[in-house]
């Protein structure tokens, strides 16, 4: 009982920090006049992470972890190639990946997390395509990323490649996390690779 209470407290702290990251960085986007940027995958992930921590939902925490593991290197590449740097972006791209991994370790890895992360990402792209301006190209939902047009003259092929790369990355990371956490122990909840109570 004490271990369960301690785990719950840790999850609440992680969830609270994820909320702070979203509010601070999201508020900065609103202040800058670009509220649509809140729908970028890495900006939605902290909300999924917070919900996963508060509701003890390993699947939501796992989706957040996989999204951030894919999105953060893309953000670093964008910064390295001359994109402007918003200081608050370190909250979702540095703090939240650490929190997400800790949350997955605490609750266990949901089964087929990579597939859930892929489906959720495709759904998010559909939402951003419907709700955000084309010029913002949030989640690459409207066109080829600037500078890649010569290599990918057709958007459909470009998006298919990005989606496949995301799914493959999610799968590899899912397997890596499962190997790190180890096999489930007797008594773990169905649907998790390993739960916090077993550590």
N, C-alpha and C. Protein backbone atom coordinates (compact mmCIF):
# COMPACT_ATOMS: atom_id res chain seq x y z
N UNK A 1 0.82 -1.21 0.00
CA UNK A 1 0.00 0.00 0.00
C UNK A 1 0.86 1.26 0.00
N UNK A 2 1.92 1.24 0.84
CA UNK A 2 2.81 2.40 0.89
C UNK A 2 3.50 2.62 -0.44
N UNK A 3 3.90 1.51 -1.08
CA UNK A 3 4.58 1.62 -2.38
C UNK A 3 3.63 2.21 -3.42
N UNK A 4 2.37 1.78 -3.39
CA UNK A 4 1.39 2.29 -4.34
C UNK A 4 1.14 3.78 -4.12
N UNK A 5 1.08 4.19 -2.86
CA UNK A 5 0.88 5.60 -2.53
C UNK A 5 2.06 6.44 -2.98
N UNK A 6 3.28 5.90 -2.79
CA UNK A 6 4.48 6.61 -3.21
C UNK A 6 4.52 6.76 -4.72
N UNK A 7 4.14 5.69 -5.42
CA UNK A 7 4.11 5.73 -6.88
C UNK A 7 3.10 6.76 -7.36
N UNK A 8 1.93 6.79 -6.73
CA UNK A 8 0.90 7.75 -7.10
C UNK A 8 1.37 9.18 -6.89
N UNK A 9 2.09 9.41 -5.82
CA UNK A 9 2.61 10.75 -5.53
C UNK A 9 3.64 11.17 -6.58
N UNK A 10 4.50 10.25 -6.95
CA UNK A 10 5.49 10.56 -7.98
C UNK A 10 4.82 10.89 -9.31
N UNK A 11 3.79 10.12 -9.64
CA UNK A 11 3.08 10.38 -10.89
C UNK A 11 2.39 11.74 -10.87
N UNK A 12 1.85 12.12 -9.74
CA UNK A 12 1.20 13.43 -9.64
C UNK A 12 2.21 14.56 -9.83
N UNK A 13 3.39 14.38 -9.28
CA UNK A 13 4.44 15.39 -9.45
C UNK A 13 4.83 15.49 -10.93
N UNK A 14 5.03 14.35 -11.56
CA UNK A 14 5.39 14.35 -12.98
C UNK A 14 4.28 14.97 -13.82
N UNK A 15 3.04 14.62 -13.51
CA UNK A 15 1.92 15.20 -14.24
C UNK A 15 1.84 16.70 -14.05
N UNK A 16 2.09 17.15 -12.83
CA UNK A 16 2.07 18.59 -12.56
C UNK A 16 3.15 19.33 -13.32
N UNK A 17 4.34 18.75 -13.39
CA UNK A 17 5.43 19.38 -14.14
C UNK A 17 5.12 19.43 -15.63
N UNK A 18 4.46 18.38 -16.14
CA UNK A 18 4.08 18.37 -17.56
C UNK A 18 3.05 19.46 -17.84
N UNK A 19 2.12 19.66 -16.93
CA UNK A 19 1.13 20.74 -17.09
C UNK A 19 1.82 22.10 -17.10
N UNK A 20 2.76 22.30 -16.18
CA UNK A 20 3.50 23.56 -16.13
C UNK A 20 4.23 23.79 -17.45
N UNK A 21 4.85 22.74 -17.99
CA UNK A 21 5.57 22.87 -19.26
C UNK A 21 4.63 23.30 -20.37
N UNK A 22 3.46 22.68 -20.42
CA UNK A 22 2.49 23.03 -21.46
C UNK A 22 1.98 24.46 -21.29
N UNK A 23 1.65 24.84 -20.08
CA UNK A 23 1.08 26.17 -19.83
C UNK A 23 2.10 27.26 -20.14
N UNK A 24 3.33 27.07 -19.69
CA UNK A 24 4.35 28.10 -19.90
C UNK A 24 4.69 28.22 -21.39
N UNK A 25 4.97 27.10 -22.02
CA UNK A 25 5.34 27.16 -23.44
C UNK A 25 4.14 27.52 -24.31
N UNK A 26 2.99 26.95 -23.98
CA UNK A 26 1.79 27.27 -24.74
C UNK A 26 1.39 28.72 -24.59
N UNK A 27 1.52 29.23 -23.37
CA UNK A 27 1.22 30.64 -23.15
C UNK A 27 2.13 31.55 -23.95
N UNK A 28 3.36 31.12 -24.12
CA UNK A 28 4.31 31.89 -24.92
C UNK A 28 3.88 31.93 -26.39
N UNK A 29 3.39 30.79 -26.90
CA UNK A 29 2.89 30.77 -28.28
C UNK A 29 1.69 31.70 -28.44
N UNK A 30 0.80 31.68 -27.48
CA UNK A 30 -0.38 32.55 -27.54
C UNK A 30 0.06 34.01 -27.50
N UNK A 31 1.00 34.32 -26.62
CA UNK A 31 1.50 35.69 -26.51
C UNK A 31 2.14 36.14 -27.81
N UNK A 32 2.79 35.23 -28.51
CA UNK A 32 3.46 35.56 -29.77
C UNK A 32 2.49 35.62 -30.95
N UNK A 33 1.22 35.30 -30.70
CA UNK A 33 0.23 35.37 -31.76
C UNK A 33 0.17 34.13 -32.64
N UNK A 34 0.66 33.00 -32.13
CA UNK A 34 0.62 31.76 -32.92
C UNK A 34 0.03 30.62 -32.09
N UNK A 35 -1.23 30.74 -31.68
CA UNK A 35 -1.84 29.68 -30.85
C UNK A 35 -1.93 28.34 -31.56
N UNK A 36 -1.93 28.36 -32.90
CA UNK A 36 -1.99 27.10 -33.65
C UNK A 36 -0.76 26.24 -33.41
N UNK A 37 0.35 26.85 -32.98
CA UNK A 37 1.54 26.07 -32.69
C UNK A 37 1.37 25.15 -31.49
N UNK A 38 0.30 25.35 -30.72
CA UNK A 38 0.02 24.46 -29.60
C UNK A 38 -0.28 23.04 -30.07
N UNK A 39 -0.65 22.89 -31.35
CA UNK A 39 -1.01 21.58 -31.87
C UNK A 39 0.18 20.80 -32.44
N UNK A 40 1.38 21.37 -32.40
CA UNK A 40 2.54 20.57 -32.80
C UNK A 40 2.62 19.34 -31.89
N UNK A 41 3.02 18.21 -32.45
CA UNK A 41 3.10 16.95 -31.72
C UNK A 41 3.81 17.09 -30.37
N UNK A 42 4.93 17.77 -30.37
CA UNK A 42 5.71 17.89 -29.13
C UNK A 42 5.06 18.83 -28.12
N UNK A 43 4.12 19.66 -28.58
CA UNK A 43 3.40 20.53 -27.65
C UNK A 43 2.14 19.87 -27.12
N UNK A 44 1.61 18.90 -27.85
CA UNK A 44 0.46 18.13 -27.37
C UNK A 44 0.91 17.04 -26.40
N UNK A 45 2.12 16.52 -26.62
CA UNK A 45 2.63 15.42 -25.80
C UNK A 45 2.60 15.70 -24.29
N UNK A 46 2.96 16.91 -23.82
CA UNK A 46 2.89 17.14 -22.37
C UNK A 46 1.50 16.97 -21.79
N UNK A 47 0.46 17.31 -22.58
CA UNK A 47 -0.90 17.14 -22.09
C UNK A 47 -1.24 15.66 -22.00
N UNK A 48 -0.83 14.89 -23.00
CA UNK A 48 -1.04 13.44 -22.94
C UNK A 48 -0.29 12.84 -21.75
N UNK A 49 0.92 13.33 -21.54
CA UNK A 49 1.74 12.84 -20.43
C UNK A 49 1.07 13.16 -19.10
N UNK A 50 0.59 14.39 -18.95
CA UNK A 50 -0.08 14.78 -17.71
C UNK A 50 -1.31 13.93 -17.47
N UNK A 51 -2.12 13.71 -18.51
CA UNK A 51 -3.32 12.89 -18.37
C UNK A 51 -2.93 11.46 -18.00
N UNK A 52 -1.88 10.95 -18.63
CA UNK A 52 -1.43 9.61 -18.30
C UNK A 52 -1.00 9.48 -16.86
N UNK A 53 -0.31 10.48 -16.36
CA UNK A 53 0.16 10.45 -14.96
C UNK A 53 -1.00 10.60 -13.98
N UNK A 54 -1.89 11.54 -14.22
CA UNK A 54 -3.00 11.79 -13.29
C UNK A 54 -4.01 10.65 -13.29
N UNK A 55 -4.23 10.03 -14.46
CA UNK A 55 -5.24 8.97 -14.58
C UNK A 55 -4.63 7.57 -14.52
N UNK A 56 -3.31 7.51 -14.32
CA UNK A 56 -2.61 6.22 -14.29
C UNK A 56 -2.88 5.44 -15.56
N UNK A 57 -2.68 6.11 -16.71
CA UNK A 57 -2.91 5.50 -18.02
C UNK A 57 -1.56 5.31 -18.71
N UNK A 58 -0.99 4.11 -18.65
CA UNK A 58 0.32 3.86 -19.27
C UNK A 58 0.33 4.13 -20.76
N UNK A 59 -0.80 3.91 -21.44
CA UNK A 59 -0.82 4.11 -22.89
C UNK A 59 -0.61 5.57 -23.26
N UNK A 60 -1.21 6.49 -22.51
CA UNK A 60 -1.03 7.92 -22.79
C UNK A 60 0.40 8.36 -22.53
N UNK A 61 0.97 7.88 -21.42
CA UNK A 61 2.37 8.23 -21.12
C UNK A 61 3.31 7.67 -22.19
N UNK A 62 3.02 6.47 -22.67
CA UNK A 62 3.87 5.86 -23.69
C UNK A 62 3.79 6.61 -25.01
N UNK A 63 2.58 7.03 -25.39
CA UNK A 63 2.42 7.81 -26.61
C UNK A 63 3.23 9.10 -26.51
N UNK A 64 3.13 9.77 -25.37
CA UNK A 64 3.89 11.01 -25.17
C UNK A 64 5.39 10.76 -25.29
N UNK A 65 5.86 9.67 -24.66
CA UNK A 65 7.29 9.36 -24.70
C UNK A 65 7.76 9.09 -26.13
N UNK A 66 6.99 8.34 -26.88
CA UNK A 66 7.39 8.01 -28.25
C UNK A 66 7.31 9.22 -29.16
N UNK A 67 6.27 10.03 -29.01
CA UNK A 67 6.17 11.26 -29.80
C UNK A 67 7.37 12.16 -29.56
N UNK A 68 7.71 12.35 -28.29
CA UNK A 68 8.82 13.25 -27.96
C UNK A 68 10.16 12.69 -28.43
N UNK A 69 10.30 11.37 -28.39
CA UNK A 69 11.55 10.76 -28.86
C UNK A 69 11.72 10.94 -30.36
N UNK A 70 10.63 11.02 -31.10
CA UNK A 70 10.69 11.26 -32.53
C UNK A 70 10.78 12.75 -32.85
N UNK A 71 10.01 13.55 -32.14
CA UNK A 71 9.91 14.97 -32.44
C UNK A 71 11.09 15.80 -31.98
N UNK A 72 11.70 15.43 -30.86
CA UNK A 72 12.80 16.25 -30.34
C UNK A 72 14.01 16.28 -31.27
N UNK A 73 14.45 15.15 -31.85
CA UNK A 73 15.55 15.25 -32.83
C UNK A 73 15.18 16.10 -34.04
N UNK A 74 13.92 16.05 -34.46
CA UNK A 74 13.49 16.89 -35.58
C UNK A 74 13.58 18.37 -35.20
N UNK A 75 13.21 18.66 -33.95
CA UNK A 75 13.33 20.04 -33.46
C UNK A 75 14.79 20.48 -33.43
N UNK A 76 15.67 19.59 -32.96
CA UNK A 76 17.09 19.92 -32.92
C UNK A 76 17.64 20.18 -34.32
N UNK A 77 17.21 19.36 -35.28
CA UNK A 77 17.63 19.56 -36.67
C UNK A 77 17.14 20.89 -37.20
N UNK A 78 15.91 21.23 -36.86
CA UNK A 78 15.33 22.50 -37.30
C UNK A 78 16.13 23.67 -36.73
N UNK A 79 16.48 23.58 -35.45
CA UNK A 79 17.26 24.64 -34.81
C UNK A 79 18.65 24.72 -35.44
N UNK A 80 19.25 23.57 -35.69
CA UNK A 80 20.60 23.53 -36.26
C UNK A 80 20.66 24.10 -37.67
N UNK A 81 19.54 24.06 -38.38
CA UNK A 81 19.52 24.56 -39.76
C UNK A 81 19.01 25.99 -39.86
N UNK A 82 18.97 26.68 -38.72
CA UNK A 82 18.70 28.11 -38.77
C UNK A 82 17.35 28.57 -38.28
N UNK A 83 16.52 27.66 -37.78
CA UNK A 83 15.23 28.09 -37.25
C UNK A 83 15.43 28.87 -35.96
N UNK A 84 14.54 29.80 -35.70
CA UNK A 84 14.64 30.58 -34.47
C UNK A 84 14.40 29.71 -33.25
N UNK A 85 14.99 30.10 -32.14
CA UNK A 85 14.88 29.33 -30.90
C UNK A 85 14.03 30.08 -29.90
N UNK A 86 12.97 29.45 -29.45
CA UNK A 86 12.12 29.99 -28.38
C UNK A 86 12.57 29.34 -27.08
N UNK A 87 12.96 30.13 -26.10
CA UNK A 87 13.55 29.57 -24.89
C UNK A 87 12.62 28.59 -24.17
N UNK A 88 11.31 28.88 -24.16
CA UNK A 88 10.41 27.99 -23.44
C UNK A 88 10.25 26.64 -24.11
N UNK A 89 10.75 26.50 -25.33
CA UNK A 89 10.62 25.21 -26.02
C UNK A 89 11.46 24.12 -25.38
N UNK A 90 12.40 24.51 -24.51
CA UNK A 90 13.17 23.50 -23.79
C UNK A 90 12.28 22.71 -22.81
N UNK A 91 11.16 23.28 -22.42
CA UNK A 91 10.27 22.57 -21.50
C UNK A 91 9.67 21.33 -22.15
N UNK A 92 9.01 21.43 -23.31
CA UNK A 92 8.50 20.20 -23.92
C UNK A 92 9.58 19.31 -24.53
N UNK A 93 10.68 19.91 -25.00
CA UNK A 93 11.67 19.12 -25.73
C UNK A 93 12.80 18.56 -24.88
N UNK A 94 12.98 19.05 -23.67
CA UNK A 94 14.04 18.54 -22.80
C UNK A 94 13.45 17.99 -21.50
N UNK A 95 12.65 18.81 -20.81
CA UNK A 95 12.07 18.36 -19.55
C UNK A 95 11.08 17.21 -19.76
N UNK A 96 10.16 17.37 -20.69
CA UNK A 96 9.09 16.39 -20.85
C UNK A 96 9.55 15.02 -21.34
N UNK A 97 10.56 14.92 -22.23
CA UNK A 97 11.04 13.57 -22.55
C UNK A 97 11.56 12.82 -21.33
N UNK A 98 12.24 13.53 -20.44
CA UNK A 98 12.73 12.89 -19.22
C UNK A 98 11.55 12.44 -18.35
N UNK A 99 10.58 13.33 -18.19
CA UNK A 99 9.39 12.98 -17.40
C UNK A 99 8.65 11.80 -18.00
N UNK A 100 8.55 11.77 -19.33
CA UNK A 100 7.81 10.71 -20.00
C UNK A 100 8.48 9.35 -19.79
N UNK A 101 9.79 9.31 -19.88
CA UNK A 101 10.50 8.05 -19.66
C UNK A 101 10.33 7.60 -18.21
N UNK A 102 10.39 8.54 -17.28
CA UNK A 102 10.20 8.20 -15.87
C UNK A 102 8.79 7.70 -15.61
N UNK A 103 7.81 8.31 -16.29
CA UNK A 103 6.42 7.88 -16.11
C UNK A 103 6.20 6.48 -16.68
N UNK A 104 6.80 6.20 -17.83
CA UNK A 104 6.69 4.86 -18.41
C UNK A 104 7.36 3.84 -17.49
N UNK A 105 8.49 4.21 -16.93
CA UNK A 105 9.17 3.30 -15.99
C UNK A 105 8.31 3.07 -14.75
N UNK A 106 7.61 4.11 -14.32
CA UNK A 106 6.78 4.01 -13.12
C UNK A 106 5.55 3.14 -13.34
N UNK A 107 4.89 3.31 -14.50
CA UNK A 107 3.62 2.62 -14.74
C UNK A 107 3.75 1.35 -15.57
N UNK A 108 4.84 1.25 -16.31
CA UNK A 108 4.98 0.14 -17.23
C UNK A 108 4.65 0.59 -18.65
N UNK A 109 5.11 -0.18 -19.60
CA UNK A 109 4.91 0.15 -21.00
C UNK A 109 3.66 -0.54 -21.52
N UNK A 110 2.73 0.25 -22.05
CA UNK A 110 1.51 -0.32 -22.60
C UNK A 110 1.83 -1.19 -23.81
N UNK A 111 1.10 -2.27 -23.96
CA UNK A 111 1.30 -3.15 -25.12
C UNK A 111 0.93 -2.42 -26.40
N UNK A 112 1.70 -2.72 -27.45
CA UNK A 112 1.48 -2.11 -28.77
C UNK A 112 1.50 -0.58 -28.68
N UNK A 113 2.37 -0.05 -27.82
CA UNK A 113 2.46 1.41 -27.67
C UNK A 113 2.82 2.07 -28.99
N UNK A 114 3.68 1.43 -29.77
CA UNK A 114 4.12 2.03 -31.04
C UNK A 114 2.94 2.19 -32.00
N UNK A 115 2.04 1.21 -32.00
CA UNK A 115 0.89 1.27 -32.89
C UNK A 115 -0.08 2.36 -32.44
N UNK A 116 -0.26 2.48 -31.14
CA UNK A 116 -1.12 3.53 -30.60
C UNK A 116 -0.54 4.91 -30.88
N UNK A 117 0.77 5.03 -30.75
CA UNK A 117 1.42 6.32 -31.02
C UNK A 117 1.29 6.69 -32.49
N UNK A 118 1.40 5.70 -33.38
CA UNK A 118 1.26 5.97 -34.81
C UNK A 118 -0.16 6.40 -35.15
N UNK A 119 -1.15 5.67 -34.64
CA UNK A 119 -2.54 6.04 -34.89
C UNK A 119 -2.89 7.41 -34.34
N UNK A 120 -2.41 7.70 -33.14
CA UNK A 120 -2.69 9.00 -32.52
C UNK A 120 -2.04 10.13 -33.32
N UNK A 121 -0.84 9.88 -33.84
CA UNK A 121 -0.16 10.91 -34.63
C UNK A 121 -0.91 11.19 -35.92
N UNK A 122 -1.36 10.15 -36.60
CA UNK A 122 -2.12 10.36 -37.84
C UNK A 122 -3.41 11.13 -37.56
N UNK A 123 -4.06 10.82 -36.44
CA UNK A 123 -5.26 11.55 -36.07
C UNK A 123 -4.94 13.02 -35.80
N UNK A 124 -3.82 13.27 -35.11
CA UNK A 124 -3.42 14.65 -34.82
C UNK A 124 -3.12 15.41 -36.10
N UNK A 125 -2.48 14.77 -37.06
CA UNK A 125 -2.19 15.41 -38.34
C UNK A 125 -3.50 15.80 -39.03
N UNK A 126 -4.49 14.92 -38.97
CA UNK A 126 -5.79 15.25 -39.56
C UNK A 126 -6.42 16.46 -38.89
N UNK A 127 -6.33 16.53 -37.57
CA UNK A 127 -6.88 17.66 -36.83
C UNK A 127 -6.15 18.95 -37.20
N UNK A 128 -4.83 18.89 -37.24
CA UNK A 128 -4.07 20.11 -37.55
C UNK A 128 -4.28 20.56 -38.98
N UNK A 129 -4.46 19.62 -39.89
CA UNK A 129 -4.73 20.00 -41.28
C UNK A 129 -6.06 20.75 -41.38
N UNK A 130 -7.03 20.33 -40.55
CA UNK A 130 -8.35 20.95 -40.59
C UNK A 130 -8.40 22.29 -39.85
N UNK A 131 -7.57 22.44 -38.81
CA UNK A 131 -7.73 23.60 -37.92
C UNK A 131 -6.63 24.66 -38.03
N UNK A 132 -5.52 24.35 -38.65
CA UNK A 132 -4.40 25.30 -38.65
C UNK A 132 -4.18 25.88 -40.04
N UNK A 133 -3.61 27.10 -40.11
CA UNK A 133 -3.37 27.73 -41.42
C UNK A 133 -2.29 26.99 -42.20
N UNK A 134 -2.47 26.86 -43.52
CA UNK A 134 -1.49 26.12 -44.35
C UNK A 134 -0.08 26.68 -44.23
N UNK A 135 0.05 27.99 -44.10
CA UNK A 135 1.40 28.58 -44.05
C UNK A 135 2.18 28.15 -42.81
N UNK A 136 1.47 27.78 -41.74
CA UNK A 136 2.16 27.34 -40.52
C UNK A 136 2.70 25.92 -40.68
N UNK A 137 2.04 25.11 -41.50
CA UNK A 137 2.46 23.73 -41.77
C UNK A 137 2.71 22.94 -40.49
N UNK A 138 1.80 23.07 -39.55
CA UNK A 138 1.92 22.37 -38.27
C UNK A 138 1.87 20.86 -38.50
N UNK A 139 2.79 20.16 -37.91
CA UNK A 139 2.91 18.70 -38.04
C UNK A 139 3.06 18.26 -39.49
N UNK A 140 3.62 19.14 -40.33
CA UNK A 140 3.82 18.84 -41.75
C UNK A 140 2.52 18.43 -42.41
N UNK A 141 1.42 19.02 -41.98
CA UNK A 141 0.09 18.59 -42.41
C UNK A 141 -0.37 19.19 -43.73
N UNK A 142 0.40 20.14 -44.29
CA UNK A 142 -0.06 20.81 -45.50
C UNK A 142 0.89 20.69 -46.68
N UNK A 143 2.19 20.64 -46.42
CA UNK A 143 3.13 20.64 -47.54
C UNK A 143 4.49 20.12 -47.08
N UNK A 144 5.38 19.93 -48.05
CA UNK A 144 6.75 19.52 -47.76
C UNK A 144 7.44 20.61 -46.95
N UNK A 145 8.24 20.20 -45.98
CA UNK A 145 8.95 21.17 -45.15
C UNK A 145 9.86 22.03 -46.01
N UNK A 146 9.91 23.32 -45.69
CA UNK A 146 10.70 24.27 -46.48
C UNK A 146 12.15 23.81 -46.60
N UNK A 147 12.64 23.81 -47.84
CA UNK A 147 14.01 23.40 -48.12
C UNK A 147 14.13 21.97 -48.62
N UNK A 148 13.04 21.19 -48.50
CA UNK A 148 13.06 19.79 -48.93
C UNK A 148 12.28 19.58 -50.23
N UNK A 149 11.80 20.68 -50.82
CA UNK A 149 10.93 20.55 -51.99
C UNK A 149 11.62 19.89 -53.19
N UNK A 150 12.89 20.17 -53.40
CA UNK A 150 13.60 19.60 -54.54
C UNK A 150 13.71 18.08 -54.42
N UNK A 151 13.87 17.61 -53.20
CA UNK A 151 14.01 16.18 -52.97
C UNK A 151 12.66 15.46 -53.00
N UNK A 152 11.62 16.20 -52.59
CA UNK A 152 10.28 15.61 -52.53
C UNK A 152 9.30 16.53 -53.26
N UNK A 153 9.21 16.44 -54.58
CA UNK A 153 8.30 17.30 -55.33
C UNK A 153 6.82 17.00 -55.06
N UNK A 154 6.53 15.80 -54.56
CA UNK A 154 5.14 15.43 -54.27
C UNK A 154 4.93 15.31 -52.77
N UNK A 155 3.93 16.03 -52.27
CA UNK A 155 3.67 16.02 -50.83
C UNK A 155 3.23 14.65 -50.35
N UNK A 156 2.40 13.93 -51.11
CA UNK A 156 1.88 12.65 -50.63
C UNK A 156 3.01 11.65 -50.36
N UNK A 157 4.00 11.63 -51.25
CA UNK A 157 5.13 10.73 -51.04
C UNK A 157 5.98 11.17 -49.84
N UNK A 158 6.14 12.46 -49.71
CA UNK A 158 6.90 13.00 -48.58
C UNK A 158 6.23 12.62 -47.26
N UNK A 159 4.92 12.85 -47.19
CA UNK A 159 4.22 12.56 -45.95
C UNK A 159 4.22 11.06 -45.65
N UNK A 160 4.07 10.24 -46.69
CA UNK A 160 4.11 8.79 -46.49
C UNK A 160 5.45 8.36 -45.91
N UNK A 161 6.54 8.98 -46.40
CA UNK A 161 7.87 8.65 -45.90
C UNK A 161 8.02 9.08 -44.44
N UNK A 162 7.56 10.30 -44.12
CA UNK A 162 7.65 10.78 -42.74
C UNK A 162 6.82 9.90 -41.81
N UNK A 163 5.62 9.55 -42.23
CA UNK A 163 4.76 8.71 -41.41
C UNK A 163 5.38 7.33 -41.19
N UNK A 164 5.98 6.77 -42.25
CA UNK A 164 6.64 5.47 -42.11
C UNK A 164 7.84 5.56 -41.19
N UNK A 165 8.60 6.66 -41.30
CA UNK A 165 9.76 6.85 -40.43
C UNK A 165 9.32 6.98 -38.98
N UNK A 166 8.21 7.68 -38.75
CA UNK A 166 7.69 7.82 -37.40
C UNK A 166 7.27 6.47 -36.85
N UNK A 167 6.52 5.69 -37.64
CA UNK A 167 6.06 4.38 -37.18
C UNK A 167 7.24 3.46 -36.87
N UNK A 168 8.26 3.48 -37.74
CA UNK A 168 9.44 2.64 -37.52
C UNK A 168 10.18 3.08 -36.25
N UNK A 169 10.32 4.39 -36.07
CA UNK A 169 10.97 4.90 -34.87
C UNK A 169 10.20 4.49 -33.62
N UNK A 170 8.88 4.63 -33.67
CA UNK A 170 8.06 4.24 -32.53
C UNK A 170 8.24 2.75 -32.22
N UNK A 171 8.28 1.92 -33.27
CA UNK A 171 8.41 0.48 -33.06
C UNK A 171 9.76 0.15 -32.41
N UNK A 172 10.83 0.73 -32.94
CA UNK A 172 12.16 0.45 -32.40
C UNK A 172 12.26 0.91 -30.95
N UNK A 173 11.75 2.09 -30.66
CA UNK A 173 11.81 2.61 -29.30
C UNK A 173 10.92 1.80 -28.35
N UNK A 174 9.77 1.36 -28.85
CA UNK A 174 8.88 0.50 -28.08
C UNK A 174 9.63 -0.75 -27.65
N UNK A 175 10.31 -1.40 -28.60
CA UNK A 175 11.06 -2.62 -28.28
C UNK A 175 12.23 -2.34 -27.34
N UNK A 176 12.87 -1.18 -27.54
CA UNK A 176 13.99 -0.82 -26.66
C UNK A 176 13.51 -0.59 -25.23
N UNK A 177 12.39 0.10 -25.09
CA UNK A 177 11.83 0.34 -23.76
C UNK A 177 11.41 -0.97 -23.11
N UNK A 178 10.79 -1.85 -23.90
CA UNK A 178 10.37 -3.14 -23.36
C UNK A 178 11.57 -3.95 -22.87
N UNK A 179 12.66 -3.91 -23.63
CA UNK A 179 13.86 -4.63 -23.23
C UNK A 179 14.47 -4.03 -21.96
N UNK A 180 14.42 -2.71 -21.87
CA UNK A 180 14.98 -2.02 -20.70
C UNK A 180 14.16 -2.32 -19.45
N UNK A 181 12.84 -2.30 -19.58
CA UNK A 181 11.98 -2.52 -18.42
C UNK A 181 11.94 -3.99 -18.01
N UNK A 182 12.20 -4.87 -18.95
CA UNK A 182 12.19 -6.29 -18.64
C UNK A 182 10.82 -6.89 -18.82
N UNK A 183 10.71 -8.22 -18.73
CA UNK A 183 9.43 -8.90 -18.93
C UNK A 183 8.46 -8.60 -17.79
N UNK A 184 7.16 -8.71 -18.07
CA UNK A 184 6.18 -8.48 -17.01
C UNK A 184 6.28 -9.56 -15.94
N UNK A 185 6.01 -9.16 -14.71
CA UNK A 185 6.03 -10.13 -13.63
C UNK A 185 4.61 -10.55 -13.29
N UNK A 186 4.49 -11.66 -12.66
CA UNK A 186 3.17 -12.16 -12.30
C UNK A 186 2.45 -11.14 -11.44
N UNK A 187 1.21 -10.85 -11.78
CA UNK A 187 0.44 -9.88 -11.01
C UNK A 187 0.37 -8.53 -11.68
N UNK A 188 1.22 -8.29 -12.72
CA UNK A 188 1.12 -7.04 -13.46
C UNK A 188 -0.22 -6.97 -14.16
N UNK A 189 -0.74 -5.76 -14.34
CA UNK A 189 -1.99 -5.59 -15.06
C UNK A 189 -1.80 -5.99 -16.51
N UNK A 190 -2.84 -6.60 -17.09
CA UNK A 190 -2.80 -6.94 -18.51
C UNK A 190 -2.69 -5.67 -19.32
N UNK A 191 -1.87 -5.73 -20.36
CA UNK A 191 -1.71 -4.55 -21.22
C UNK A 191 -0.48 -3.75 -20.90
N UNK A 192 0.26 -4.12 -19.85
CA UNK A 192 1.49 -3.42 -19.53
C UNK A 192 2.65 -4.39 -19.61
N UNK A 193 3.78 -3.88 -20.05
CA UNK A 193 4.98 -4.70 -20.11
C UNK A 193 5.57 -4.89 -18.72
N UNK A 194 5.54 -3.82 -17.93
CA UNK A 194 6.04 -3.92 -16.57
C UNK A 194 5.49 -2.76 -15.78
N UNK A 195 4.99 -2.99 -14.61
CA UNK A 195 4.38 -1.94 -13.82
C UNK A 195 5.32 -1.39 -12.77
N UNK A 196 4.92 -0.23 -12.23
CA UNK A 196 5.77 0.44 -11.25
C UNK A 196 5.86 -0.38 -9.97
N UNK A 197 4.79 -1.06 -9.62
CA UNK A 197 4.78 -1.79 -8.36
C UNK A 197 5.76 -2.95 -8.35
N UNK A 198 6.30 -3.30 -9.54
CA UNK A 198 7.22 -4.44 -9.59
C UNK A 198 8.67 -4.01 -9.47
N UNK A 199 8.93 -2.73 -9.45
CA UNK A 199 10.32 -2.28 -9.40
C UNK A 199 10.80 -2.18 -7.98
